[in-house]
Amino acid sequence: MRYEDIWRIQDEITAAVNSVGFSLWDLHYDRGSFSFHLELDEHLSDETLSSFCSQMPLTADYDGEGSHGSLFTLYV
């Protein structure tokens, strides 16, 4: 994937996260798995997780809780 594509998708993910009222702690692309790893700056409740994933521009899986917030993987 080209750098420009990664940058554009990161912008789309950031906009989607912000539009549902949350903020990112970390967002990076993993070339080996062709996916983005996202950590929010807060921990989401079980009721919010499914809704959050459905609002993302890519298929998202919940990966548990990190030191700063909920963790997700988004697949290209």
N, C-alpha and C. Protein backbone atom coordinates (compact mmCIF):
# COMPACT_ATOMS: atom_id res chain seq x y z
N MET A 1 0.85 -1.16 0.00
CA MET A 1 0.00 0.00 0.00
C MET A 1 0.90 1.23 0.00
N ARG A 2 0.54 2.21 -0.80
CA ARG A 2 1.31 3.45 -0.89
C ARG A 2 1.11 4.33 0.33
N TYR A 3 2.12 5.12 0.63
CA TYR A 3 2.06 6.03 1.76
C TYR A 3 0.83 6.95 1.69
N GLU A 4 0.53 7.45 0.49
CA GLU A 4 -0.61 8.35 0.32
C GLU A 4 -1.93 7.67 0.67
N ASP A 5 -2.04 6.38 0.33
CA ASP A 5 -3.24 5.62 0.66
C ASP A 5 -3.37 5.42 2.17
N ILE A 6 -2.25 5.11 2.82
CA ILE A 6 -2.26 4.93 4.27
C ILE A 6 -2.68 6.22 4.95
N TRP A 7 -2.11 7.32 4.52
CA TRP A 7 -2.42 8.63 5.10
C TRP A 7 -3.90 8.98 4.94
N ARG A 8 -4.46 8.72 3.74
CA ARG A 8 -5.87 9.00 3.47
C ARG A 8 -6.79 8.15 4.36
N ILE A 9 -6.47 6.87 4.48
CA ILE A 9 -7.29 5.98 5.31
C ILE A 9 -7.18 6.37 6.78
N GLN A 10 -5.99 6.74 7.24
CA GLN A 10 -5.85 7.20 8.62
C GLN A 10 -6.71 8.43 8.88
N ASP A 11 -6.79 9.33 7.90
CA ASP A 11 -7.66 10.50 8.04
C ASP A 11 -9.13 10.10 8.13
N GLU A 12 -9.54 9.12 7.32
CA GLU A 12 -10.92 8.64 7.35
C GLU A 12 -11.24 8.00 8.70
N ILE A 13 -10.33 7.21 9.22
CA ILE A 13 -10.53 6.56 10.52
C ILE A 13 -10.62 7.62 11.62
N THR A 14 -9.70 8.58 11.61
CA THR A 14 -9.71 9.64 12.61
C THR A 14 -11.01 10.43 12.58
N ALA A 15 -11.49 10.76 11.38
CA ALA A 15 -12.75 11.49 11.25
C ALA A 15 -13.92 10.67 11.78
N ALA A 16 -13.93 9.36 11.50
CA ALA A 16 -15.01 8.49 11.98
C ALA A 16 -15.00 8.40 13.50
N VAL A 17 -13.82 8.25 14.09
CA VAL A 17 -13.71 8.17 15.55
C VAL A 17 -14.20 9.47 16.18
N ASN A 18 -13.76 10.59 15.64
CA ASN A 18 -14.17 11.88 16.18
C ASN A 18 -15.66 12.13 16.00
N SER A 19 -16.24 11.65 14.90
CA SER A 19 -17.66 11.90 14.63
C SER A 19 -18.58 11.18 15.62
N VAL A 20 -18.09 10.10 16.23
CA VAL A 20 -18.91 9.40 17.22
C VAL A 20 -18.54 9.80 18.65
N GLY A 21 -17.72 10.85 18.77
CA GLY A 21 -17.46 11.45 20.08
C GLY A 21 -16.29 10.89 20.87
N PHE A 22 -15.37 10.20 20.20
CA PHE A 22 -14.21 9.65 20.88
C PHE A 22 -12.94 10.25 20.32
N SER A 23 -11.82 9.99 21.00
CA SER A 23 -10.51 10.48 20.55
C SER A 23 -9.53 9.33 20.51
N LEU A 24 -8.56 9.47 19.61
CA LEU A 24 -7.53 8.45 19.45
C LEU A 24 -6.37 8.68 20.40
N TRP A 25 -5.84 7.59 20.92
CA TRP A 25 -4.57 7.65 21.63
C TRP A 25 -3.45 7.26 20.67
N ASP A 26 -3.71 6.21 19.86
CA ASP A 26 -2.71 5.73 18.91
C ASP A 26 -3.40 5.15 17.69
N LEU A 27 -2.83 5.41 16.52
CA LEU A 27 -3.31 4.83 15.27
C LEU A 27 -2.11 4.62 14.37
N HIS A 28 -1.89 3.38 13.97
CA HIS A 28 -0.78 3.11 13.07
C HIS A 28 -1.11 1.94 12.14
N TYR A 29 -0.42 1.93 11.00
CA TYR A 29 -0.60 0.90 9.99
C TYR A 29 0.45 -0.18 10.18
N ASP A 30 0.02 -1.43 10.10
CA ASP A 30 0.92 -2.58 10.20
C ASP A 30 1.03 -3.21 8.80
N ARG A 31 2.16 -2.98 8.14
CA ARG A 31 2.35 -3.49 6.78
C ARG A 31 2.28 -5.01 6.71
N GLY A 32 2.76 -5.69 7.74
CA GLY A 32 2.78 -7.15 7.73
C GLY A 32 1.39 -7.78 7.69
N SER A 33 0.44 -7.15 8.37
CA SER A 33 -0.91 -7.71 8.43
C SER A 33 -1.92 -6.93 7.59
N PHE A 34 -1.46 -5.87 6.90
CA PHE A 34 -2.34 -5.02 6.09
C PHE A 34 -3.53 -4.53 6.90
N SER A 35 -3.23 -4.03 8.10
CA SER A 35 -4.30 -3.55 8.97
C SER A 35 -3.84 -2.33 9.76
N PHE A 36 -4.81 -1.63 10.32
CA PHE A 36 -4.54 -0.49 11.19
C PHE A 36 -4.84 -0.91 12.62
N HIS A 37 -3.98 -0.49 13.53
CA HIS A 37 -4.19 -0.75 14.95
C HIS A 37 -4.55 0.57 15.61
N LEU A 38 -5.63 0.56 16.35
CA LEU A 38 -6.19 1.78 16.93
C LEU A 38 -6.36 1.59 18.43
N GLU A 39 -5.98 2.59 19.19
CA GLU A 39 -6.27 2.61 20.62
C GLU A 39 -6.94 3.94 20.93
N LEU A 40 -8.10 3.85 21.56
CA LEU A 40 -8.81 5.06 21.98
C LEU A 40 -8.19 5.62 23.25
N ASP A 41 -8.58 6.84 23.59
CA ASP A 41 -8.07 7.42 24.84
C ASP A 41 -9.00 7.15 26.01
N GLU A 42 -9.95 6.24 25.83
CA GLU A 42 -10.83 5.83 26.92
C GLU A 42 -11.29 4.39 26.70
N HIS A 43 -11.76 3.76 27.76
CA HIS A 43 -12.24 2.38 27.71
C HIS A 43 -13.74 2.40 27.45
N LEU A 44 -14.18 1.67 26.42
CA LEU A 44 -15.59 1.62 26.06
C LEU A 44 -16.32 0.52 26.82
N SER A 45 -17.58 0.76 27.09
CA SER A 45 -18.42 -0.25 27.73
C SER A 45 -18.78 -1.34 26.71
N ASP A 46 -19.19 -2.48 27.19
CA ASP A 46 -19.58 -3.58 26.30
C ASP A 46 -20.70 -3.16 25.36
N GLU A 47 -21.62 -2.35 25.85
CA GLU A 47 -22.76 -1.92 25.03
C GLU A 47 -22.32 -1.00 23.88
N THR A 48 -21.23 -0.29 24.05
CA THR A 48 -20.77 0.68 23.06
C THR A 48 -19.87 0.06 22.00
N LEU A 49 -19.23 -1.07 22.30
CA LEU A 49 -18.25 -1.66 21.40
C LEU A 49 -18.81 -1.99 20.02
N SER A 50 -19.93 -2.67 19.95
CA SER A 50 -20.51 -3.07 18.68
C SER A 50 -20.89 -1.86 17.84
N SER A 51 -21.50 -0.88 18.48
CA SER A 51 -21.88 0.34 17.77
C SER A 51 -20.65 1.07 17.23
N PHE A 52 -19.60 1.14 18.05
CA PHE A 52 -18.37 1.79 17.61
C PHE A 52 -17.81 1.10 16.37
N CYS A 53 -17.71 -0.22 16.40
CA CYS A 53 -17.16 -0.96 15.26
C CYS A 53 -17.97 -0.73 14.00
N SER A 54 -19.27 -0.66 14.13
CA SER A 54 -20.12 -0.48 12.94
C SER A 54 -19.99 0.92 12.33
N GLN A 55 -19.47 1.87 13.08
CA GLN A 55 -19.29 3.23 12.57
C GLN A 55 -17.95 3.45 11.87
N MET A 56 -17.07 2.48 11.92
CA MET A 56 -15.75 2.63 11.32
C MET A 56 -15.80 2.43 9.81
N PRO A 57 -14.92 3.10 9.05
CA PRO A 57 -14.95 2.99 7.59
C PRO A 57 -14.39 1.67 7.05
N LEU A 58 -13.73 0.89 7.90
CA LEU A 58 -13.21 -0.43 7.54
C LEU A 58 -13.75 -1.46 8.53
N THR A 59 -13.68 -2.73 8.16
CA THR A 59 -14.08 -3.79 9.08
C THR A 59 -13.21 -3.72 10.33
N ALA A 60 -13.85 -3.66 11.49
CA ALA A 60 -13.12 -3.48 12.75
C ALA A 60 -13.42 -4.63 13.71
N ASP A 61 -12.37 -5.06 14.40
CA ASP A 61 -12.49 -6.08 15.46
C ASP A 61 -12.00 -5.48 16.76
N TYR A 62 -12.71 -5.79 17.82
CA TYR A 62 -12.30 -5.38 19.16
C TYR A 62 -11.18 -6.29 19.63
N ASP A 63 -10.07 -5.71 20.13
CA ASP A 63 -8.91 -6.49 20.55
C ASP A 63 -8.66 -6.46 22.05
N GLY A 64 -9.56 -5.91 22.82
CA GLY A 64 -9.37 -5.86 24.26
C GLY A 64 -9.08 -4.45 24.74
N GLU A 65 -8.49 -4.40 25.93
CA GLU A 65 -8.22 -3.10 26.55
C GLU A 65 -6.71 -2.87 26.66
N GLY A 66 -6.28 -1.70 26.23
CA GLY A 66 -4.88 -1.32 26.35
C GLY A 66 -4.67 -0.47 27.59
N SER A 67 -3.50 0.11 27.70
CA SER A 67 -3.18 0.90 28.89
C SER A 67 -3.91 2.24 28.89
N HIS A 68 -4.31 2.72 27.71
CA HIS A 68 -4.99 4.02 27.63
C HIS A 68 -6.46 3.92 27.27
N GLY A 69 -6.86 2.85 26.58
CA GLY A 69 -8.24 2.71 26.17
C GLY A 69 -8.48 1.43 25.41
N SER A 70 -9.65 1.33 24.80
CA SER A 70 -10.03 0.14 24.04
C SER A 70 -9.19 0.01 22.77
N LEU A 71 -8.85 -1.23 22.41
CA LEU A 71 -8.01 -1.53 21.25
C LEU A 71 -8.84 -2.16 20.13
N PHE A 72 -8.53 -1.78 18.89
CA PHE A 72 -9.23 -2.30 17.73
C PHE A 72 -8.23 -2.54 16.60
N THR A 73 -8.57 -3.50 15.74
CA THR A 73 -7.85 -3.71 14.49
C THR A 73 -8.84 -3.45 13.37
N LEU A 74 -8.41 -2.65 12.39
CA LEU A 74 -9.22 -2.35 11.22
C LEU A 74 -8.52 -2.90 10.00
N TYR A 75 -9.24 -3.69 9.20
CA TYR A 75 -8.66 -4.43 8.09
C TYR A 75 -8.91 -3.74 6.77
N VAL A 76 -7.83 -3.68 5.95
CA VAL A 76 -7.91 -3.05 4.62
C VAL A 76 -8.48 -4.05 3.66
